[in-house]
Amino acid sequence: MTPSPKPPAAAKVLLVFMIIVGVIRLFDYVVHGRQFHDLFAGIGFLLMAHGIHRNGLELTTGDTVGRYASMAGIAMVMLGFVVRYLG
């Protein structure tokens, strides 16, 4: 089995950023009013962080779980924006 290549520095920075934003949004959900847009966005950012952790910034990888997690995360963040501004 070949070792997986190290992710680029940009992927590491983006991973940390997604985790921080996701935790902040979930903290806002728990502490400041339990509004669903915070919950959707927090889960979405953490799903995108999971996808970045699995795949890095590669577009053509064999790991479909990471790709689906990233796509679901994007959908959840967009749903959070829709609920916040249109709901």
PDB file of N, CA and C in Angstrom:
ATOM      1  N   MET A   1       0.848  -1.163   0.000  1.00  0.00           N
ATOM      2  CA  MET A   1       0.000   0.000   0.000  1.00  0.00           C
ATOM      3  C   MET A   1       0.896   1.229   0.000  1.00  0.00           C
ATOM      4  N   THR A   2       0.601   2.166  -0.875  1.00  0.00           N
ATOM      5  CA  THR A   2       1.404   3.383  -0.960  1.00  0.00           C
ATOM      6  C   THR A   2       0.911   4.406   0.042  1.00  0.00           C
ATOM      7  N   PRO A   3       1.829   5.105   0.672  1.00  0.00           N
ATOM      8  CA  PRO A   3       1.393   6.134   1.629  1.00  0.00           C
ATOM      9  C   PRO A   3       0.723   7.292   0.894  1.00  0.00           C
ATOM     10  N   SER A   4      -0.290   7.849   1.525  1.00  0.00           N
ATOM     11  CA  SER A   4      -0.985   8.974   0.903  1.00  0.00           C
ATOM     12  C   SER A   4      -0.104  10.223   0.975  1.00  0.00           C
ATOM     13  N   PRO A   5      -0.145  11.042  -0.067  1.00  0.00           N
ATOM     14  CA  PRO A   5       0.688  12.248  -0.050  1.00  0.00           C
ATOM     15  C   PRO A   5       0.185  13.237   0.992  1.00  0.00           C
ATOM     16  N   LYS A   6       1.108  14.062   1.478  1.00  0.00           N
ATOM     17  CA  LYS A   6       0.744  15.068   2.472  1.00  0.00           C
ATOM     18  C   LYS A   6      -0.154  16.125   1.830  1.00  0.00           C
ATOM     19  N   PRO A   7      -1.174  16.557   2.544  1.00  0.00           N
ATOM     20  CA  PRO A   7      -2.028  17.605   1.974  1.00  0.00           C
ATOM     21  C   PRO A   7      -1.269  18.932   1.909  1.00  0.00           C
ATOM     22  N   PRO A   8      -1.601  19.764   0.935  1.00  0.00           N
ATOM     23  CA  PRO A   8      -0.916  21.062   0.852  1.00  0.00           C
ATOM     24  C   PRO A   8      -1.287  21.953   2.034  1.00  0.00           C
ATOM     25  N   ALA A   9      -0.487  22.974   2.229  1.00  0.00           N
ATOM     26  CA  ALA A   9      -0.705  23.884   3.363  1.00  0.00           C
ATOM     27  C   ALA A   9      -2.062  24.569   3.269  1.00  0.00           C
ATOM     28  N   ALA A  10      -2.524  24.859   2.058  1.00  0.00           N
ATOM     29  CA  ALA A  10      -3.826  25.510   1.900  1.00  0.00           C
ATOM     30  C   ALA A  10      -4.951  24.621   2.406  1.00  0.00           C
ATOM     31  N   ALA A  11      -4.836  23.311   2.207  1.00  0.00           N
ATOM     32  CA  ALA A  11      -5.863  22.395   2.693  1.00  0.00           C
ATOM     33  C   ALA A  11      -5.885  22.361   4.219  1.00  0.00           C
ATOM     34  N   LYS A  12      -4.705  22.430   4.835  1.00  0.00           N
ATOM     35  CA  LYS A  12      -4.651  22.443   6.296  1.00  0.00           C
ATOM     36  C   LYS A  12      -5.275  23.710   6.864  1.00  0.00           C
ATOM     37  N   VAL A  13      -4.975  24.845   6.244  1.00  0.00           N
ATOM     38  CA  VAL A  13      -5.535  26.115   6.712  1.00  0.00           C
ATOM     39  C   VAL A  13      -7.047  26.117   6.528  1.00  0.00           C
ATOM     40  N   LEU A  14      -7.516  25.643   5.382  1.00  0.00           N
ATOM     41  CA  LEU A  14      -8.954  25.599   5.129  1.00  0.00           C
ATOM     42  C   LEU A  14      -9.649  24.634   6.083  1.00  0.00           C
ATOM     43  N   LEU A  15      -9.003  23.523   6.406  1.00  0.00           N
ATOM     44  CA  LEU A  15      -9.570  22.568   7.354  1.00  0.00           C
ATOM     45  C   LEU A  15      -9.750  23.205   8.723  1.00  0.00           C
ATOM     46  N   VAL A  16      -8.727  23.882   9.206  1.00  0.00           N
ATOM     47  CA  VAL A  16      -8.812  24.540  10.513  1.00  0.00           C
ATOM     48  C   VAL A  16      -9.885  25.629  10.490  1.00  0.00           C
ATOM     49  N   PHE A  17      -9.951  26.392   9.398  1.00  0.00           N
ATOM     50  CA  PHE A  17     -10.955  27.448   9.273  1.00  0.00           C
ATOM     51  C   PHE A  17     -12.367  26.868   9.315  1.00  0.00           C
ATOM     52  N   MET A  18     -12.605  25.783   8.578  1.00  0.00           N
ATOM     53  CA  MET A  18     -13.938  25.166   8.559  1.00  0.00           C
ATOM     54  C   MET A  18     -14.328  24.628   9.930  1.00  0.00           C
ATOM     55  N   ILE A  19     -13.383  24.033  10.630  1.00  0.00           N
ATOM     56  CA  ILE A  19     -13.678  23.512  11.964  1.00  0.00           C
ATOM     57  C   ILE A  19     -14.023  24.648  12.919  1.00  0.00           C
ATOM     58  N   ILE A  20     -13.251  25.730  12.876  1.00  0.00           N
ATOM     59  CA  ILE A  20     -13.507  26.855  13.779  1.00  0.00           C
ATOM     60  C   ILE A  20     -14.874  27.478  13.491  1.00  0.00           C
ATOM     61  N   VAL A  21     -15.171  27.715  12.220  1.00  0.00           N
ATOM     62  CA  VAL A  21     -16.463  28.327  11.878  1.00  0.00           C
ATOM     63  C   VAL A  21     -17.610  27.392  12.235  1.00  0.00           C
ATOM     64  N   GLY A  22     -17.447  26.088  11.995  1.00  0.00           N
ATOM     65  CA  GLY A  22     -18.492  25.136  12.349  1.00  0.00           C
ATOM     66  C   GLY A  22     -18.765  25.094  13.841  1.00  0.00           C
ATOM     67  N   VAL A  23     -17.706  25.089  14.640  1.00  0.00           N
ATOM     68  CA  VAL A  23     -17.881  25.062  16.096  1.00  0.00           C
ATOM     69  C   VAL A  23     -18.521  26.365  16.581  1.00  0.00           C
ATOM     70  N   ILE A  24     -18.131  27.484  16.009  1.00  0.00           N
ATOM     71  CA  ILE A  24     -18.735  28.769  16.401  1.00  0.00           C
ATOM     72  C   ILE A  24     -20.227  28.772  16.086  1.00  0.00           C
ATOM     73  N   ARG A  25     -20.599  28.272  14.901  1.00  0.00           N
ATOM     74  CA  ARG A  25     -22.023  28.256  14.535  1.00  0.00           C
ATOM     75  C   ARG A  25     -22.815  27.312  15.437  1.00  0.00           C
ATOM     76  N   LEU A  26     -22.244  26.168  15.801  1.00  0.00           N
ATOM     77  CA  LEU A  26     -22.941  25.268  16.718  1.00  0.00           C
ATOM     78  C   LEU A  26     -23.022  25.871  18.121  1.00  0.00           C
ATOM     79  N   PHE A  27     -21.995  26.592  18.537  1.00  0.00           N
ATOM     80  CA  PHE A  27     -22.045  27.287  19.818  1.00  0.00           C
ATOM     81  C   PHE A  27     -23.157  28.333  19.807  1.00  0.00           C
ATOM     82  N   ASP A  28     -23.278  29.068  18.703  1.00  0.00           N
ATOM     83  CA  ASP A  28     -24.370  30.040  18.584  1.00  0.00           C
ATOM     84  C   ASP A  28     -25.726  29.353  18.662  1.00  0.00           C
ATOM     85  N   TYR A  29     -25.843  28.179  18.062  1.00  0.00           N
ATOM     86  CA  TYR A  29     -27.112  27.455  18.118  1.00  0.00           C
ATOM     87  C   TYR A  29     -27.446  27.066  19.559  1.00  0.00           C
ATOM     88  N   VAL A  30     -26.477  26.549  20.277  1.00  0.00           N
ATOM     89  CA  VAL A  30     -26.729  26.052  21.633  1.00  0.00           C
ATOM     90  C   VAL A  30     -26.970  27.197  22.606  1.00  0.00           C
ATOM     91  N   VAL A  31     -26.205  28.284  22.490  1.00  0.00           N
ATOM     92  CA  VAL A  31     -26.232  29.332  23.512  1.00  0.00           C
ATOM     93  C   VAL A  31     -27.175  30.486  23.162  1.00  0.00           C
ATOM     94  N   HIS A  32     -27.256  30.859  21.913  1.00  0.00           N
ATOM     95  CA  HIS A  32     -27.958  32.084  21.547  1.00  0.00           C
ATOM     96  C   HIS A  32     -29.256  31.851  20.773  1.00  0.00           C
ATOM     97  N   GLY A  33     -30.168  31.140  21.327  1.00  0.00           N
ATOM     98  CA  GLY A  33     -31.507  31.158  20.777  1.00  0.00           C
ATOM     99  C   GLY A  33     -31.973  29.955  19.999  1.00  0.00           C
ATOM    100  N   ARG A  34     -31.131  28.974  19.769  1.00  0.00           N
ATOM    101  CA  ARG A  34     -31.530  27.757  19.075  1.00  0.00           C
ATOM    102  C   ARG A  34     -32.254  28.033  17.761  1.00  0.00           C
ATOM    103  N   GLN A  35     -31.601  28.782  16.894  1.00  0.00           N
ATOM    104  CA  GLN A  35     -32.155  29.080  15.576  1.00  0.00           C
ATOM    105  C   GLN A  35     -31.590  28.076  14.583  1.00  0.00           C
ATOM    106  N   PHE A  36     -32.475  27.557  13.728  1.00  0.00           N
ATOM    107  CA  PHE A  36     -32.083  26.460  12.857  1.00  0.00           C
ATOM    108  C   PHE A  36     -31.017  26.841  11.843  1.00  0.00           C
ATOM    109  N   HIS A  37     -30.941  28.096  11.450  1.00  0.00           N
ATOM    110  CA  HIS A  37     -29.925  28.465  10.469  1.00  0.00           C
ATOM    111  C   HIS A  37     -28.520  28.276  11.035  1.00  0.00           C
ATOM    112  N   ASP A  38     -28.350  28.491  12.334  1.00  0.00           N
ATOM    113  CA  ASP A  38     -27.047  28.239  12.953  1.00  0.00           C
ATOM    114  C   ASP A  38     -26.726  26.742  12.978  1.00  0.00           C
ATOM    115  N   LEU A  39     -27.731  25.929  13.254  1.00  0.00           N
ATOM    116  CA  LEU A  39     -27.526  24.485  13.273  1.00  0.00           C
ATOM    117  C   LEU A  39     -27.153  23.964  11.891  1.00  0.00           C
ATOM    118  N   PHE A  40     -27.906  24.366  10.868  1.00  0.00           N
ATOM    119  CA  PHE A  40     -27.622  23.908   9.505  1.00  0.00           C
ATOM    120  C   PHE A  40     -26.232  24.343   9.056  1.00  0.00           C
ATOM    121  N   ALA A  41     -25.879  25.587   9.304  1.00  0.00           N
ATOM    122  CA  ALA A  41     -24.570  26.083   8.876  1.00  0.00           C
ATOM    123  C   ALA A  41     -23.444  25.401   9.653  1.00  0.00           C
ATOM    124  N   GLY A  42     -23.620  25.196  10.948  1.00  0.00           N
ATOM    125  CA  GLY A  42     -22.584  24.538  11.744  1.00  0.00           C
ATOM    126  C   GLY A  42     -22.325  23.118  11.283  1.00  0.00           C
ATOM    127  N   ILE A  43     -23.384  22.354  11.063  1.00  0.00           N
ATOM    128  CA  ILE A  43     -23.221  20.988  10.574  1.00  0.00           C
ATOM    129  C   ILE A  43     -22.608  21.005   9.176  1.00  0.00           C
ATOM    130  N   GLY A  44     -23.034  21.953   8.341  1.00  0.00           N
ATOM    131  CA  GLY A  44     -22.500  22.038   6.982  1.00  0.00           C
ATOM    132  C   GLY A  44     -21.006  22.328   6.959  1.00  0.00           C
ATOM    133  N   PHE A  45     -20.563  23.271   7.766  1.00  0.00           N
ATOM    134  CA  PHE A  45     -19.138  23.573   7.806  1.00  0.00           C
ATOM    135  C   PHE A  45     -18.324  22.391   8.330  1.00  0.00           C
ATOM    136  N   LEU A  46     -18.861  21.666   9.301  1.00  0.00           N
ATOM    137  CA  LEU A  46     -18.141  20.503   9.808  1.00  0.00           C
ATOM    138  C   LEU A  46     -18.122  19.368   8.789  1.00  0.00           C
ATOM    139  N   LEU A  47     -19.193  19.219   8.006  1.00  0.00           N
ATOM    140  CA  LEU A  47     -19.177  18.219   6.935  1.00  0.00           C
ATOM    141  C   LEU A  47     -18.147  18.582   5.861  1.00  0.00           C
ATOM    142  N   MET A  48     -18.057  19.867   5.531  1.00  0.00           N
ATOM    143  CA  MET A  48     -17.038  20.278   4.563  1.00  0.00           C
ATOM    144  C   MET A  48     -15.634  20.043   5.120  1.00  0.00           C
ATOM    145  N   ALA A  49     -15.458  20.254   6.418  1.00  0.00           N
ATOM    146  CA  ALA A  49     -14.159  19.985   7.037  1.00  0.00           C
ATOM    147  C   ALA A  49     -13.827  18.499   6.947  1.00  0.00           C
ATOM    148  N   HIS A  50     -14.829  17.662   7.122  1.00  0.00           N
ATOM    149  CA  HIS A  50     -14.605  16.220   6.995  1.00  0.00           C
ATOM    150  C   HIS A  50     -14.193  15.855   5.565  1.00  0.00           C
ATOM    151  N   GLY A  51     -14.838  16.468   4.595  1.00  0.00           N
ATOM    152  CA  GLY A  51     -14.479  16.217   3.208  1.00  0.00           C
ATOM    153  C   GLY A  51     -13.071  16.681   2.879  1.00  0.00           C
ATOM    154  N   ILE A  52     -12.678  17.813   3.424  1.00  0.00           N
ATOM    155  CA  ILE A  52     -11.310  18.309   3.203  1.00  0.00           C
ATOM    156  C   ILE A  52     -10.304  17.393   3.901  1.00  0.00           C
ATOM    157  N   HIS A  53     -10.662  16.903   5.068  1.00  0.00           N
ATOM    158  CA  HIS A  53      -9.771  15.986   5.781  1.00  0.00           C
ATOM    159  C   HIS A  53      -9.581  14.692   4.993  1.00  0.00           C
ATOM    160  N   ARG A  54     -10.641  14.198   4.371  1.00  0.00           N
ATOM    161  CA  ARG A  54     -10.550  12.942   3.612  1.00  0.00           C
ATOM    162  C   ARG A  54      -9.834  13.106   2.282  1.00  0.00           C
ATOM    163  N   ASN A  55     -10.083  14.241   1.579  1.00  0.00           N
ATOM    164  CA  ASN A  55      -9.585  14.396   0.209  1.00  0.00           C
ATOM    165  C   ASN A  55      -8.562  15.497   0.027  1.00  0.00           C
ATOM    166  N   GLY A  56      -8.387  16.366   0.960  1.00  0.00           N
ATOM    167  CA  GLY A  56      -7.546  17.534   0.731  1.00  0.00           C
ATOM    168  C   GLY A  56      -8.253  18.457  -0.249  1.00  0.00           C
ATOM    169  N   LEU A  57      -7.519  19.017  -1.169  1.00  0.00           N
ATOM    170  CA  LEU A  57      -8.119  19.889  -2.177  1.00  0.00           C
ATOM    171  C   LEU A  57      -8.136  19.219  -3.547  1.00  0.00           C
ATOM    172  N   GLU A  58      -8.013  17.902  -3.584  1.00  0.00           N
ATOM    173  CA  GLU A  58      -7.985  17.171  -4.844  1.00  0.00           C
ATOM    174  C   GLU A  58      -9.393  17.050  -5.424  1.00  0.00           C
ATOM    175  N   LEU A  59      -9.497  17.244  -6.712  1.00  0.00           N
ATOM    176  CA  LEU A  59     -10.790  17.104  -7.379  1.00  0.00           C
ATOM    177  C   LEU A  59     -11.021  15.694  -7.897  1.00  0.00           C
ATOM    178  N   THR A  60      -9.963  14.987  -8.195  1.00  0.00           N
ATOM    179  CA  THR A  60     -10.090  13.642  -8.749  1.00  0.00           C
ATOM    180  C   THR A  60      -9.482  12.639  -7.781  1.00  0.00           C
ATOM    181  N   THR A  61     -10.273  12.210  -6.820  1.00  0.00           N
ATOM    182  CA  THR A  61      -9.827  11.202  -5.867  1.00  0.00           C
ATOM    183  C   THR A  61     -10.806  10.046  -5.887  1.00  0.00           C
ATOM    184  N   GLY A  62     -10.382   8.931  -5.384  1.00  0.00           N
ATOM    185  CA  GLY A  62     -11.243   7.768  -5.339  1.00  0.00           C
ATOM    186  C   GLY A  62     -12.117   7.715  -4.110  1.00  0.00           C
ATOM    187  N   ASP A  63     -11.979   8.673  -3.200  1.00  0.00           N
ATOM    188  CA  ASP A  63     -12.734   8.655  -1.949  1.00  0.00           C
ATOM    189  C   ASP A  63     -14.062   9.376  -2.137  1.00  0.00           C
ATOM    190  N   THR A  64     -15.109   8.610  -2.372  1.00  0.00           N
ATOM    191  CA  THR A  64     -16.414   9.231  -2.614  1.00  0.00           C
ATOM    192  C   THR A  64     -17.062   9.730  -1.335  1.00  0.00           C
ATOM    193  N   VAL A  65     -16.705   9.156  -0.186  1.00  0.00           N
ATOM    194  CA  VAL A  65     -17.294   9.604   1.081  1.00  0.00           C
ATOM    195  C   VAL A  65     -16.916  11.057   1.347  1.00  0.00           C
ATOM    196  N   GLY A  66     -15.662  11.398   1.113  1.00  0.00           N
ATOM    197  CA  GLY A  66     -15.228  12.782   1.307  1.00  0.00           C
ATOM    198  C   GLY A  66     -15.913  13.744   0.362  1.00  0.00           C
ATOM    199  N   ARG A  67     -16.083  13.317  -0.897  1.00  0.00           N
ATOM    200  CA  ARG A  67     -16.768  14.187  -1.865  1.00  0.00           C
ATOM    201  C   ARG A  67     -18.220  14.394  -1.487  1.00  0.00           C
ATOM    202  N   TYR A  68     -18.904  13.309  -1.104  1.00  0.00           N
ATOM    203  CA  TYR A  68     -20.310  13.438  -0.713  1.00  0.00           C
ATOM    204  C   TYR A  68     -20.468  14.260   0.561  1.00  0.00           C
ATOM    205  N   ALA A  69     -19.528  14.125   1.493  1.00  0.00           N
ATOM    206  CA  ALA A  69     -19.578  14.933   2.715  1.00  0.00           C
ATOM    207  C   ALA A  69     -19.411  16.415   2.380  1.00  0.00           C
ATOM    208  N   SER A  70     -18.498  16.722   1.462  1.00  0.00           N
ATOM    209  CA  SER A  70     -18.316  18.119   1.066  1.00  0.00           C
ATOM    210  C   SER A  70     -19.556  18.670   0.367  1.00  0.00           C
ATOM    211  N   MET A  71     -20.139  17.875  -0.519  1.00  0.00           N
ATOM    212  CA  MET A  71     -21.341  18.338  -1.224  1.00  0.00           C
ATOM    213  C   MET A  71     -22.519  18.517  -0.268  1.00  0.00           C
ATOM    214  N   ALA A  72     -22.674  17.584   0.672  1.00  0.00           N
ATOM    215  CA  ALA A  72     -23.737  17.720   1.662  1.00  0.00           C
ATOM    216  C   ALA A  72     -23.489  18.927   2.557  1.00  0.00           C
ATOM    217  N   GLY A  73     -22.229  19.190   2.884  1.00  0.00           N
ATOM    218  CA  GLY A  73     -21.895  20.353   3.695  1.00  0.00           C
ATOM    219  C   GLY A  73     -22.215  21.655   2.988  1.00  0.00           C
ATOM    220  N   ILE A  74     -21.900  21.718   1.699  1.00  0.00           N
ATOM    221  CA  ILE A  74     -22.228  22.919   0.924  1.00  0.00           C
ATOM    222  C   ILE A  74     -23.729  23.131   0.898  1.00  0.00           C
ATOM    223  N   ALA A  75     -24.482  22.046   0.700  1.00  0.00           N
ATOM    224  CA  ALA A  75     -25.947  22.158   0.680  1.00  0.00           C
ATOM    225  C   ALA A  75     -26.483  22.612   2.034  1.00  0.00           C
ATOM    226  N   MET A  76     -25.901  22.113   3.128  1.00  0.00           N
ATOM    227  CA  MET A  76     -26.369  22.507   4.459  1.00  0.00           C
ATOM    228  C   MET A  76     -26.067  23.977   4.746  1.00  0.00           C
ATOM    229  N   VAL A  77     -24.896  24.457   4.348  1.00  0.00           N
ATOM    230  CA  VAL A  77     -24.558  25.869   4.560  1.00  0.00           C
ATOM    231  C   VAL A  77     -25.490  26.756   3.741  1.00  0.00           C
ATOM    232  N   MET A  78     -25.739  26.370   2.494  1.00  0.00           N
ATOM    233  CA  MET A  78     -26.669  27.161   1.674  1.00  0.00           C
ATOM    234  C   MET A  78     -28.074  27.125   2.263  1.00  0.00           C
ATOM    235  N   LEU A  79     -28.497  25.980   2.788  1.00  0.00           N
ATOM    236  CA  LEU A  79     -29.799  25.888   3.441  1.00  0.00           C
ATOM    237  C   LEU A  79     -29.849  26.801   4.668  1.00  0.00           C
ATOM    238  N   GLY A  80     -28.757  26.880   5.399  1.00  0.00           N
ATOM    239  CA  GLY A  80     -28.702  27.782   6.547  1.00  0.00           C
ATOM    240  C   GLY A  80     -28.878  29.237   6.132  1.00  0.00           C
ATOM    241  N   PHE A  81     -28.239  29.636   5.012  1.00  0.00           N
ATOM    242  CA  PHE A  81     -28.416  31.003   4.522  1.00  0.00           C
ATOM    243  C   PHE A  81     -29.849  31.252   4.066  1.00  0.00           C
ATOM    244  N   VAL A  82     -30.452  30.270   3.411  1.00  0.00           N
ATOM    245  CA  VAL A  82     -31.828  30.422   2.935  1.00  0.00           C
ATOM    246  C   VAL A  82     -32.780  30.560   4.114  1.00  0.00           C
ATOM    247  N   VAL A  83     -32.610  29.702   5.127  1.00  0.00           N
ATOM    248  CA  VAL A  83     -33.483  29.780   6.297  1.00  0.00           C
ATOM    249  C   VAL A  83     -33.299  31.087   7.024  1.00  0.00           C
ATOM    250  N   ARG A  84     -32.076  31.583   7.091  1.00  0.00           N
ATOM    251  CA  ARG A  84     -31.824  32.823   7.813  1.00  0.00           C
ATOM    252  C   ARG A  84     -32.432  34.032   7.106  1.00  0.00           C
ATOM    253  N   TYR A  85     -32.229  34.119   5.799  1.00  0.00           N
ATOM    254  CA  TYR A  85     -32.615  35.342   5.096  1.00  0.00           C
ATOM    255  C   TYR A  85     -33.991  35.261   4.433  1.00  0.00           C
ATOM    256  N   LEU A  86     -34.511  34.087   4.189  1.00  0.00           N
ATOM    257  CA  LEU A  86     -35.828  33.974   3.565  1.00  0.00           C
ATOM    258  C   LEU A  86     -36.880  33.403   4.497  1.00  0.00           C
ATOM    259  N   GLY A  87     -36.444  32.846   5.623  1.00  0.00           N
ATOM    260  CA  GLY A  87     -37.382  32.195   6.523  1.00  0.00           C
ATOM    261  C   GLY A  87     -37.759  33.078   7.603  1.00  0.00           C
TER     262      GLY A  87
END
